[in-house]
Amino acid sequence: MEKSKFKRIVIKIGSSCLTHENRKLNYTAIQQYIRQLVDLKNIGKEILLVSSGAIGAGMGELKLDLPKNMAEKQGMAAVGQGLLISLYNKILRQFGEVGGQILLTAKDIEKEHRSKNIYNTLEILINNGIIPIINENDTVATEEIKFGDNDTLSAKVARLIKADLLIILTDVEGLYNKIPCDTEQDIELINKVKEITVDIEQSAGCNGSIVGTGGMKTKLEAAKIVNEDGITMVIGPAYKENIVSKIIKMLDQDLEYNIGTTFLPKEITCRKEVLNNYKEGEDR
């Protein structure tokens, strides 16, 4: 069997994929995600999980409405983060695995001495068979809660840890050619992006969900970050069965891009074009 091109994989799961409409944690969905990650680890993949959902989980647990200010958001995150990591580790233990929690801010990764410490910690966890579970440190972060979400964080983690692949799971199919918020009838899914052009950026116009702060714009920013470092990124629909395994199979076996939206770094795009031209030459 050909060696996989994608061994070290960062998987980010959005807030709306982890909670019900009432903002309580979705135990069934979370168990399905964890099972997929463990299956991948069992075939030799190195898996890092970037999880949103702390604020949403806190809101559900405390039965509170949308937070009115930053302090309320951070208070809810303090409650929700404990719930999240407890549930993750409970499910992981059912599969004989252990997770290690790491709470970060974007600025932690940007500072050289901190980023080295983060890298070393992640490597230690991976080398000892522990799945890192990474989240924004919402109890102390402010700018990140206000302006972005874990899309950007997951991209920076993928770049720092020299990942081969970043998968962002969300509650939509992927990137569309038009803003899905509009009542357009001819909306089509964009399965492959070789370059993030102005037209592509204009396709991403909606904000995030009630419990999440991100949207397609932050996902495009994440794609830019990782593509510049030669890392492939896929936006995939979290609600589809075995979605993570299907995405990796699609990429590993060079199948048709028909799941979500794949953002190809330049070096991979060029290599695929050369292979395609070579095959066409053989046909002639």
C-alpha atoms as a PDB file:
ATOM      1  CA  MET A   1       0.000   0.000   0.000  1.00  0.00           C
ATOM      2  CA  GLU A   2       1.283   3.457  -0.926  1.00  0.00           C
ATOM      3  CA  LYS A   3       2.364   5.533   2.029  1.00  0.00           C
ATOM      4  CA  SER A   4      -0.222   8.171   2.946  1.00  0.00           C
ATOM      5  CA  LYS A   5       0.599  11.754   2.037  1.00  0.00           C
ATOM      6  CA  PHE A   6      -1.438  12.953   4.991  1.00  0.00           C
ATOM      7  CA  LYS A   7      -0.181  11.627   8.318  1.00  0.00           C
ATOM      8  CA  ARG A   8      -0.305  14.587  10.705  1.00  0.00           C
ATOM      9  CA  ILE A   9      -3.835  15.971  10.629  1.00  0.00           C
ATOM     10  CA  VAL A  10      -5.450  18.860  12.498  1.00  0.00           C
ATOM     11  CA  ILE A  11      -9.240  18.610  12.743  1.00  0.00           C
ATOM     12  CA  LYS A  12     -11.285  21.598  13.815  1.00  0.00           C
ATOM     13  CA  ILE A  13     -14.923  21.203  14.852  1.00  0.00           C
ATOM     14  CA  GLY A  14     -17.197  24.243  15.003  1.00  0.00           C
ATOM     15  CA  SER A  15     -19.478  25.207  17.874  1.00  0.00           C
ATOM     16  CA  SER A  16     -22.736  24.508  16.051  1.00  0.00           C
ATOM     17  CA  CYS A  17     -21.568  20.941  15.344  1.00  0.00           C
ATOM     18  CA  LEU A  18     -21.063  20.226  19.044  1.00  0.00           C
ATOM     19  CA  THR A  19     -24.314  21.531  20.522  1.00  0.00           C
ATOM     20  CA  HIS A  20     -28.049  21.174  20.042  1.00  0.00           C
ATOM     21  CA  GLU A  21     -30.269  24.145  19.211  1.00  0.00           C
ATOM     22  CA  ASN A  22     -30.794  24.662  22.940  1.00  0.00           C
ATOM     23  CA  ARG A  23     -26.975  24.868  23.213  1.00  0.00           C
ATOM     24  CA  LYS A  24     -26.670  21.728  25.306  1.00  0.00           C
ATOM     25  CA  LEU A  25     -23.790  19.487  24.240  1.00  0.00           C
ATOM     26  CA  ASN A  26     -24.694  16.988  21.509  1.00  0.00           C
ATOM     27  CA  TYR A  27     -23.367  13.747  23.032  1.00  0.00           C
ATOM     28  CA  THR A  28     -24.244  11.596  20.011  1.00  0.00           C
ATOM     29  CA  ALA A  29     -22.469  13.860  17.535  1.00  0.00           C
ATOM     30  CA  ILE A  30     -19.405  14.267  19.730  1.00  0.00           C
ATOM     31  CA  GLN A  31     -19.080  10.508  20.195  1.00  0.00           C
ATOM     32  CA  GLN A  32     -19.196  10.038  16.412  1.00  0.00           C
ATOM     33  CA  TYR A  33     -16.428  12.600  15.894  1.00  0.00           C
ATOM     34  CA  ILE A  34     -14.218  11.017  18.547  1.00  0.00           C
ATOM     35  CA  ARG A  35     -14.753   7.524  17.124  1.00  0.00           C
ATOM     36  CA  GLN A  36     -13.546   8.740  13.727  1.00  0.00           C
ATOM     37  CA  LEU A  37     -10.449  10.341  15.250  1.00  0.00           C
ATOM     38  CA  VAL A  38      -9.595   7.183  17.163  1.00  0.00           C
ATOM     39  CA  ASP A  39     -10.063   5.058  14.026  1.00  0.00           C
ATOM     40  CA  LEU A  40      -7.616   7.306  12.185  1.00  0.00           C
ATOM     41  CA  LYS A  41      -5.132   7.140  15.048  1.00  0.00           C
ATOM     42  CA  ASN A  42      -5.392   3.346  14.961  1.00  0.00           C
ATOM     43  CA  ILE A  43      -4.149   3.290  11.346  1.00  0.00           C
ATOM     44  CA  GLY A  44      -1.144   5.457  12.152  1.00  0.00           C
ATOM     45  CA  LYS A  45      -2.429   8.998  11.691  1.00  0.00           C
ATOM     46  CA  GLU A  46      -1.303  11.706  14.112  1.00  0.00           C
ATOM     47  CA  ILE A  47      -4.449  13.536  15.151  1.00  0.00           C
ATOM     48  CA  LEU A  48      -4.857  16.937  16.787  1.00  0.00           C
ATOM     49  CA  LEU A  49      -8.344  18.207  17.642  1.00  0.00           C
ATOM     50  CA  VAL A  50      -9.151  21.918  17.728  1.00  0.00           C
ATOM     51  CA  SER A  51     -12.525  22.246  19.410  1.00  0.00           C
ATOM     52  CA  SER A  52     -14.821  25.229  19.638  1.00  0.00           C
ATOM     53  CA  GLY A  53     -17.950  25.161  21.788  1.00  0.00           C
ATOM     54  CA  ALA A  54     -16.901  26.352  25.246  1.00  0.00           C
ATOM     55  CA  ILE A  55     -19.121  29.440  25.275  1.00  0.00           C
ATOM     56  CA  GLY A  56     -22.056  27.580  23.731  1.00  0.00           C
ATOM     57  CA  ALA A  57     -21.743  24.707  26.212  1.00  0.00           C
ATOM     58  CA  GLY A  58     -21.603  27.159  29.093  1.00  0.00           C
ATOM     59  CA  MET A  59     -24.728  28.922  27.848  1.00  0.00           C
ATOM     60  CA  GLY A  60     -26.587  25.614  27.657  1.00  0.00           C
ATOM     61  CA  GLU A  61     -25.441  24.421  31.058  1.00  0.00           C
ATOM     62  CA  LEU A  62     -26.368  27.693  32.794  1.00  0.00           C
ATOM     63  CA  LYS A  63     -29.577  28.078  30.753  1.00  0.00           C
ATOM     64  CA  LEU A  64     -28.619  31.624  29.828  1.00  0.00           C
ATOM     65  CA  ASP A  65     -29.379  33.689  26.761  1.00  0.00           C
ATOM     66  CA  LEU A  66     -26.742  35.250  24.570  1.00  0.00           C
ATOM     67  CA  PRO A  67     -24.038  36.908  26.693  1.00  0.00           C
ATOM     68  CA  LYS A  68     -24.373  40.670  26.889  1.00  0.00           C
ATOM     69  CA  ASN A  69     -20.695  41.517  27.249  1.00  0.00           C
ATOM     70  CA  MET A  70     -17.184  40.093  27.176  1.00  0.00           C
ATOM     71  CA  ALA A  71     -17.156  39.207  30.880  1.00  0.00           C
ATOM     72  CA  GLU A  72     -20.294  37.085  30.485  1.00  0.00           C
ATOM     73  CA  LYS A  73     -18.781  35.314  27.471  1.00  0.00           C
ATOM     74  CA  GLN A  74     -15.661  34.501  29.438  1.00  0.00           C
ATOM     75  CA  GLY A  75     -17.665  33.287  32.421  1.00  0.00           C
ATOM     76  CA  MET A  76     -19.694  30.967  30.219  1.00  0.00           C
ATOM     77  CA  ALA A  77     -16.498  29.734  28.578  1.00  0.00           C
ATOM     78  CA  ALA A  78     -15.063  28.838  31.994  1.00  0.00           C
ATOM     79  CA  VAL A  79     -18.055  26.594  32.671  1.00  0.00           C
ATOM     80  CA  GLY A  80     -18.302  25.187  29.151  1.00  0.00           C
ATOM     81  CA  GLN A  81     -14.625  24.338  28.770  1.00  0.00           C
ATOM     82  CA  GLY A  82     -14.739  22.050  31.779  1.00  0.00           C
ATOM     83  CA  LEU A  83     -17.787  20.284  30.379  1.00  0.00           C
ATOM     84  CA  LEU A  84     -16.158  19.829  26.982  1.00  0.00           C
ATOM     85  CA  ILE A  85     -12.854  18.352  28.110  1.00  0.00           C
ATOM     86  CA  SER A  86     -14.621  16.093  30.619  1.00  0.00           C
ATOM     87  CA  LEU A  87     -16.882  14.703  27.896  1.00  0.00           C
ATOM     88  CA  TYR A  88     -14.046  14.319  25.395  1.00  0.00           C
ATOM     89  CA  ASN A  89     -11.947  12.334  27.829  1.00  0.00           C
ATOM     90  CA  LYS A  90     -14.898  10.231  28.974  1.00  0.00           C
ATOM     91  CA  ILE A  91     -15.552   9.162  25.378  1.00  0.00           C
ATOM     92  CA  LEU A  92     -11.862   8.742  24.559  1.00  0.00           C
ATOM     93  CA  ARG A  93     -11.426   6.394  27.509  1.00  0.00           C
ATOM     94  CA  GLN A  94     -14.224   4.217  26.148  1.00  0.00           C
ATOM     95  CA  PHE A  95     -11.958   3.649  23.141  1.00  0.00           C
ATOM     96  CA  GLY A  96      -8.820   3.218  25.237  1.00  0.00           C
ATOM     97  CA  GLU A  97      -7.433   6.662  24.428  1.00  0.00           C
ATOM     98  CA  VAL A  98      -6.474   9.791  26.381  1.00  0.00           C
ATOM     99  CA  GLY A  99      -6.787  13.455  25.476  1.00  0.00           C
ATOM    100  CA  GLY A 100      -4.611  16.307  26.665  1.00  0.00           C
ATOM    101  CA  GLN A 101      -6.096  19.787  26.957  1.00  0.00           C
ATOM    102  CA  ILE A 102      -4.228  22.829  25.653  1.00  0.00           C
ATOM    103  CA  LEU A 103      -5.772  26.305  25.906  1.00  0.00           C
ATOM    104  CA  LEU A 104      -4.208  28.960  23.688  1.00  0.00           C
ATOM    105  CA  THR A 105      -4.649  32.454  22.390  1.00  0.00           C
ATOM    106  CA  ALA A 106      -3.556  33.473  18.904  1.00  0.00           C
ATOM    107  CA  LYS A 107      -0.879  35.671  20.468  1.00  0.00           C
ATOM    108  CA  ASP A 108       0.647  32.661  22.229  1.00  0.00           C
ATOM    109  CA  ILE A 109       1.546  31.172  18.854  1.00  0.00           C
ATOM    110  CA  GLU A 110       2.822  34.460  17.466  1.00  0.00           C
ATOM    111  CA  LYS A 111       5.438  34.911  20.202  1.00  0.00           C
ATOM    112  CA  GLU A 112       8.551  32.868  19.396  1.00  0.00           C
ATOM    113  CA  HIS A 113       9.426  31.591  22.873  1.00  0.00           C
ATOM    114  CA  ARG A 114       5.809  30.646  23.595  1.00  0.00           C
ATOM    115  CA  SER A 115       5.346  28.969  20.230  1.00  0.00           C
ATOM    116  CA  LYS A 116       8.403  26.794  20.860  1.00  0.00           C
ATOM    117  CA  ASN A 117       6.954  25.673  24.177  1.00  0.00           C
ATOM    118  CA  ILE A 118       3.601  24.941  22.519  1.00  0.00           C
ATOM    119  CA  TYR A 119       5.314  22.965  19.755  1.00  0.00           C
ATOM    120  CA  ASN A 120       7.309  20.922  22.264  1.00  0.00           C
ATOM    121  CA  THR A 121       4.192  20.169  24.317  1.00  0.00           C
ATOM    122  CA  LEU A 122       2.221  19.069  21.259  1.00  0.00           C
ATOM    123  CA  GLU A 123       5.066  16.836  20.109  1.00  0.00           C
ATOM    124  CA  ILE A 124       5.322  15.205  23.542  1.00  0.00           C
ATOM    125  CA  LEU A 125       1.593  14.480  23.560  1.00  0.00           C
ATOM    126  CA  ILE A 126       1.594  13.063  20.016  1.00  0.00           C
ATOM    127  CA  ASN A 127       4.710  10.954  20.605  1.00  0.00           C
ATOM    128  CA  ASN A 128       3.098   9.452  23.700  1.00  0.00           C
ATOM    129  CA  GLY A 129      -0.120   8.531  21.939  1.00  0.00           C
ATOM    130  CA  ILE A 130      -2.193  11.317  23.468  1.00  0.00           C
ATOM    131  CA  ILE A 131      -4.646  13.266  21.326  1.00  0.00           C
ATOM    132  CA  PRO A 132      -4.163  17.012  21.887  1.00  0.00           C
ATOM    133  CA  ILE A 133      -7.481  18.810  22.387  1.00  0.00           C
ATOM    134  CA  ILE A 134      -6.915  22.487  21.679  1.00  0.00           C
ATOM    135  CA  ASN A 135      -9.252  25.386  22.259  1.00  0.00           C
ATOM    136  CA  GLU A 136      -9.059  29.139  22.419  1.00  0.00           C
ATOM    137  CA  ASN A 137      -8.456  30.249  25.987  1.00  0.00           C
ATOM    138  CA  ASP A 138     -11.726  32.173  26.004  1.00  0.00           C
ATOM    139  CA  THR A 139     -11.518  32.915  29.710  1.00  0.00           C
ATOM    140  CA  VAL A 140      -8.642  35.336  29.072  1.00  0.00           C
ATOM    141  CA  ALA A 141      -8.798  36.065  25.327  1.00  0.00           C
ATOM    142  CA  THR A 142     -10.762  39.089  24.137  1.00  0.00           C
ATOM    143  CA  GLU A 143      -9.918  39.951  20.556  1.00  0.00           C
ATOM    144  CA  GLU A 144     -10.284  36.334  19.454  1.00  0.00           C
ATOM    145  CA  ILE A 145     -13.779  36.020  20.939  1.00  0.00           C
ATOM    146  CA  LYS A 146     -14.840  39.302  19.395  1.00  0.00           C
ATOM    147  CA  PHE A 147     -13.434  38.995  15.893  1.00  0.00           C
ATOM    148  CA  GLY A 148     -12.693  35.409  15.005  1.00  0.00           C
ATOM    149  CA  ASP A 149     -12.960  31.869  16.137  1.00  0.00           C
ATOM    150  CA  ASN A 150     -10.962  28.693  16.101  1.00  0.00           C
ATOM    151  CA  ASP A 151     -10.652  28.615  12.302  1.00  0.00           C
ATOM    152  CA  THR A 152      -7.674  30.940  12.536  1.00  0.00           C
ATOM    153  CA  LEU A 153      -6.317  29.178  15.602  1.00  0.00           C
ATOM    154  CA  SER A 154      -6.527  25.778  13.882  1.00  0.00           C
ATOM    155  CA  ALA A 155      -4.619  27.132  10.884  1.00  0.00           C
ATOM    156  CA  LYS A 156      -1.878  28.541  13.091  1.00  0.00           C
ATOM    157  CA  VAL A 157      -1.644  25.286  15.023  1.00  0.00           C
ATOM    158  CA  ALA A 158      -1.426  23.323  11.747  1.00  0.00           C
ATOM    159  CA  ARG A 159       1.384  25.569  10.553  1.00  0.00           C
ATOM    160  CA  LEU A 160       3.218  25.425  13.887  1.00  0.00           C
ATOM    161  CA  ILE A 161       3.071  21.629  14.186  1.00  0.00           C
ATOM    162  CA  LYS A 162       3.943  21.136  10.483  1.00  0.00           C
ATOM    163  CA  ALA A 163       0.706  19.299   9.728  1.00  0.00           C
ATOM    164  CA  ASP A 164      -0.024  17.726   6.362  1.00  0.00           C
ATOM    165  CA  LEU A 165      -3.729  18.482   6.424  1.00  0.00           C
ATOM    166  CA  LEU A 166      -6.268  20.734   8.130  1.00  0.00           C
ATOM    167  CA  ILE A 167      -9.917  19.662   8.128  1.00  0.00           C
ATOM    168  CA  ILE A 168     -12.507  22.191   9.281  1.00  0.00           C
ATOM    169  CA  LEU A 169     -15.859  20.573  10.050  1.00  0.00           C
ATOM    170  CA  THR A 170     -18.855  22.859   9.965  1.00  0.00           C
ATOM    171  CA  ASP A 171     -22.635  22.851   9.583  1.00  0.00           C
ATOM    172  CA  VAL A 172     -22.656  23.554   5.832  1.00  0.00           C
ATOM    173  CA  GLU A 173     -21.537  21.510   2.846  1.00  0.00           C
ATOM    174  CA  GLY A 174     -18.557  23.734   2.065  1.00  0.00           C
ATOM    175  CA  LEU A 175     -17.870  26.932   0.111  1.00  0.00           C
ATOM    176  CA  TYR A 176     -20.531  27.928  -2.408  1.00  0.00           C
ATOM    177  CA  ASN A 177     -20.269  30.119  -5.500  1.00  0.00           C
ATOM    178  CA  LYS A 178     -22.760  32.519  -3.941  1.00  0.00           C
ATOM    179  CA  ILE A 179     -23.648  33.516  -0.415  1.00  0.00           C
ATOM    180  CA  PRO A 180     -26.082  30.844   0.851  1.00  0.00           C
ATOM    181  CA  CYS A 181     -27.775  33.476   3.030  1.00  0.00           C
ATOM    182  CA  ASP A 182     -29.287  34.900  -0.155  1.00  0.00           C
ATOM    183  CA  THR A 183     -32.346  33.276  -1.718  1.00  0.00           C
ATOM    184  CA  GLU A 184     -30.500  32.301  -4.875  1.00  0.00           C
ATOM    185  CA  GLN A 185     -31.586  29.203  -6.789  1.00  0.00           C
ATOM    186  CA  ASP A 186     -28.368  28.545  -8.710  1.00  0.00           C
ATOM    187  CA  ILE A 187     -26.038  28.087  -5.750  1.00  0.00           C
ATOM    188  CA  GLU A 188     -23.334  25.500  -6.409  1.00  0.00           C
ATOM    189  CA  LEU A 189     -20.739  23.952  -4.151  1.00  0.00           C
ATOM    190  CA  ILE A 190     -17.128  24.714  -5.030  1.00  0.00           C
ATOM    191  CA  ASN A 191     -15.314  21.411  -4.610  1.00  0.00           C
ATOM    192  CA  LYS A 192     -11.754  22.542  -5.371  1.00  0.00           C
ATOM    193  CA  VAL A 193      -9.921  25.841  -4.935  1.00  0.00           C
ATOM    194  CA  LYS A 194      -6.448  26.228  -6.454  1.00  0.00           C
ATOM    195  CA  GLU A 195      -6.167  29.921  -5.627  1.00  0.00           C
ATOM    196  CA  ILE A 196      -8.200  32.195  -3.366  1.00  0.00           C
ATOM    197  CA  THR A 197      -9.202  34.935  -5.787  1.00  0.00           C
ATOM    198  CA  VAL A 198     -11.348  38.028  -5.264  1.00  0.00           C
ATOM    199  CA  ASP A 199     -14.340  36.114  -6.656  1.00  0.00           C
ATOM    200  CA  ILE A 200     -13.759  33.330  -4.155  1.00  0.00           C
ATOM    201  CA  GLU A 201     -13.574  35.814  -1.294  1.00  0.00           C
ATOM    202  CA  GLN A 202     -16.831  37.424  -2.402  1.00  0.00           C
ATOM    203  CA  SER A 203     -18.486  34.019  -2.141  1.00  0.00           C
ATOM    204  CA  ALA A 204     -17.884  34.031   1.625  1.00  0.00           C
ATOM    205  CA  GLY A 205     -20.165  36.626   3.124  1.00  0.00           C
ATOM    206  CA  CYS A 206     -22.173  35.147   5.975  1.00  0.00           C
ATOM    207  CA  ASN A 207     -21.344  35.462   9.638  1.00  0.00           C
ATOM    208  CA  GLY A 208     -21.128  32.525  11.987  1.00  0.00           C
ATOM    209  CA  SER A 209     -23.886  30.871  13.962  1.00  0.00           C
ATOM    210  CA  ILE A 210     -25.370  32.070  17.239  1.00  0.00           C
ATOM    211  CA  VAL A 211     -22.972  29.963  19.300  1.00  0.00           C
ATOM    212  CA  GLY A 212     -19.986  30.478  16.986  1.00  0.00           C
ATOM    213  CA  THR A 213     -18.142  33.622  15.998  1.00  0.00           C
ATOM    214  CA  GLY A 214     -16.667  32.422  12.752  1.00  0.00           C
ATOM    215  CA  GLY A 215     -18.043  32.135   9.249  1.00  0.00           C
ATOM    216  CA  MET A 216     -16.780  31.338   5.780  1.00  0.00           C
ATOM    217  CA  LYS A 217     -14.557  34.419   5.777  1.00  0.00           C
ATOM    218  CA  THR A 218     -12.498  33.135   8.703  1.00  0.00           C
ATOM    219  CA  LYS A 219     -12.229  29.768   6.970  1.00  0.00           C
ATOM    220  CA  LEU A 220     -10.798  31.417   3.858  1.00  0.00           C
ATOM    221  CA  GLU A 221      -8.268  33.205   6.057  1.00  0.00           C
ATOM    222  CA  ALA A 222      -7.354  29.846   7.555  1.00  0.00           C
ATOM    223  CA  ALA A 223      -6.898  28.394   4.067  1.00  0.00           C
ATOM    224  CA  LYS A 224      -4.550  31.227   3.133  1.00  0.00           C
ATOM    225  CA  ILE A 225      -2.435  30.623   6.229  1.00  0.00           C
ATOM    226  CA  VAL A 226      -1.985  26.887   5.685  1.00  0.00           C
ATOM    227  CA  ASN A 227      -1.772  26.923   1.886  1.00  0.00           C
ATOM    228  CA  GLU A 228       1.194  29.291   2.092  1.00  0.00           C
ATOM    229  CA  ASP A 229       2.983  26.590   4.097  1.00  0.00           C
ATOM    230  CA  GLY A 230       2.125  23.796   1.667  1.00  0.00           C
ATOM    231  CA  ILE A 231      -0.694  22.403   3.812  1.00  0.00           C
ATOM    232  CA  THR A 232      -3.936  21.189   2.233  1.00  0.00           C
ATOM    233  CA  MET A 233      -7.201  22.310   3.845  1.00  0.00           C
ATOM    234  CA  VAL A 234     -10.714  20.914   3.510  1.00  0.00           C
ATOM    235  CA  ILE A 235     -13.998  22.413   4.688  1.00  0.00           C
ATOM    236  CA  GLY A 236     -16.377  19.492   5.242  1.00  0.00           C
ATOM    237  CA  PRO A 237     -19.951  18.910   6.437  1.00  0.00           C
ATOM    238  CA  ALA A 238     -19.740  17.605   9.998  1.00  0.00           C
ATOM    239  CA  TYR A 239     -23.219  16.088   9.824  1.00  0.00           C
ATOM    240  CA  LYS A 240     -22.303  13.451   7.209  1.00  0.00           C
ATOM    241  CA  GLU A 241     -21.462   9.968   8.450  1.00  0.00           C
ATOM    242  CA  ASN A 242     -17.741   9.136   8.698  1.00  0.00           C
ATOM    243  CA  ILE A 243     -16.949  12.458   7.050  1.00  0.00           C
ATOM    244  CA  VAL A 244     -13.349  12.660   8.276  1.00  0.00           C
ATOM    245  CA  SER A 245     -12.433   9.199   7.012  1.00  0.00           C
ATOM    246  CA  LYS A 246     -14.107   9.907   3.675  1.00  0.00           C
ATOM    247  CA  ILE A 247     -12.190  13.166   3.231  1.00  0.00           C
ATOM    248  CA  ILE A 248      -8.845  11.512   3.944  1.00  0.00           C
ATOM    249  CA  LYS A 249      -9.624   8.595   1.614  1.00  0.00           C
ATOM    250  CA  MET A 250     -10.513  11.092  -1.121  1.00  0.00           C
ATOM    251  CA  LEU A 251      -7.188  12.872  -0.710  1.00  0.00           C
ATOM    252  CA  ASP A 252      -4.972   9.832  -0.123  1.00  0.00           C
ATOM    253  CA  GLN A 253      -6.270   8.019  -3.178  1.00  0.00           C
ATOM    254  CA  ASP A 254      -6.378  11.110  -5.417  1.00  0.00           C
ATOM    255  CA  LEU A 255     -10.090  10.598  -6.007  1.00  0.00           C
ATOM    256  CA  GLU A 256     -12.383  13.179  -7.535  1.00  0.00           C
ATOM    257  CA  TYR A 257     -12.877  16.148  -5.216  1.00  0.00           C
ATOM    258  CA  ASN A 258     -16.536  15.621  -4.369  1.00  0.00           C
ATOM    259  CA  ILE A 259     -16.698  16.141  -0.605  1.00  0.00           C
ATOM    260  CA  GLY A 260     -16.788  19.646   0.806  1.00  0.00           C
ATOM    261  CA  THR A 261     -14.272  22.188  -0.476  1.00  0.00           C
ATOM    262  CA  THR A 262     -10.570  21.372  -0.812  1.00  0.00           C
ATOM    263  CA  PHE A 263      -8.039  24.212  -0.831  1.00  0.00           C
ATOM    264  CA  LEU A 264      -4.861  23.051  -2.538  1.00  0.00           C
ATOM    265  CA  PRO A 265      -1.507  24.657  -1.809  1.00  0.00           C
ATOM    266  CA  LYS A 266       0.403  25.770  -4.880  1.00  0.00           C
ATOM    267  CA  GLU A 267       2.944  22.936  -4.838  1.00  0.00           C
ATOM    268  CA  ILE A 268       0.195  20.277  -4.763  1.00  0.00           C
ATOM    269  CA  THR A 269      -1.785  22.079  -7.453  1.00  0.00           C
ATOM    270  CA  CYS A 270       1.265  22.161  -9.732  1.00  0.00           C
ATOM    271  CA  ARG A 271       2.057  18.483  -9.117  1.00  0.00           C
ATOM    272  CA  LYS A 272      -1.492  17.400  -9.954  1.00  0.00           C
ATOM    273  CA  GLU A 273      -1.482  19.453 -13.159  1.00  0.00           C
ATOM    274  CA  VAL A 274       1.784  17.841 -14.261  1.00  0.00           C
ATOM    275  CA  LEU A 275       0.402  14.352 -13.557  1.00  0.00           C
ATOM    276  CA  ASN A 276      -2.798  15.118 -15.446  1.00  0.00           C
ATOM    277  CA  ASN A 277      -0.848  16.433 -18.449  1.00  0.00           C
ATOM    278  CA  TYR A 278       1.332  13.327 -18.382  1.00  0.00           C
ATOM    279  CA  LYS A 279      -1.707  11.038 -18.355  1.00  0.00           C
ATOM    280  CA  GLU A 280      -3.311  12.972 -21.210  1.00  0.00           C
ATOM    281  CA  GLY A 281      -0.092  12.578 -23.186  1.00  0.00           C
ATOM    282  CA  GLU A 282      -0.187   8.821 -22.600  1.00  0.00           C
ATOM    283  CA  ASP A 283      -3.770   8.681 -23.908  1.00  0.00           C
ATOM    284  CA  ARG A 284      -2.734  10.398 -27.125  1.00  0.00           C
END
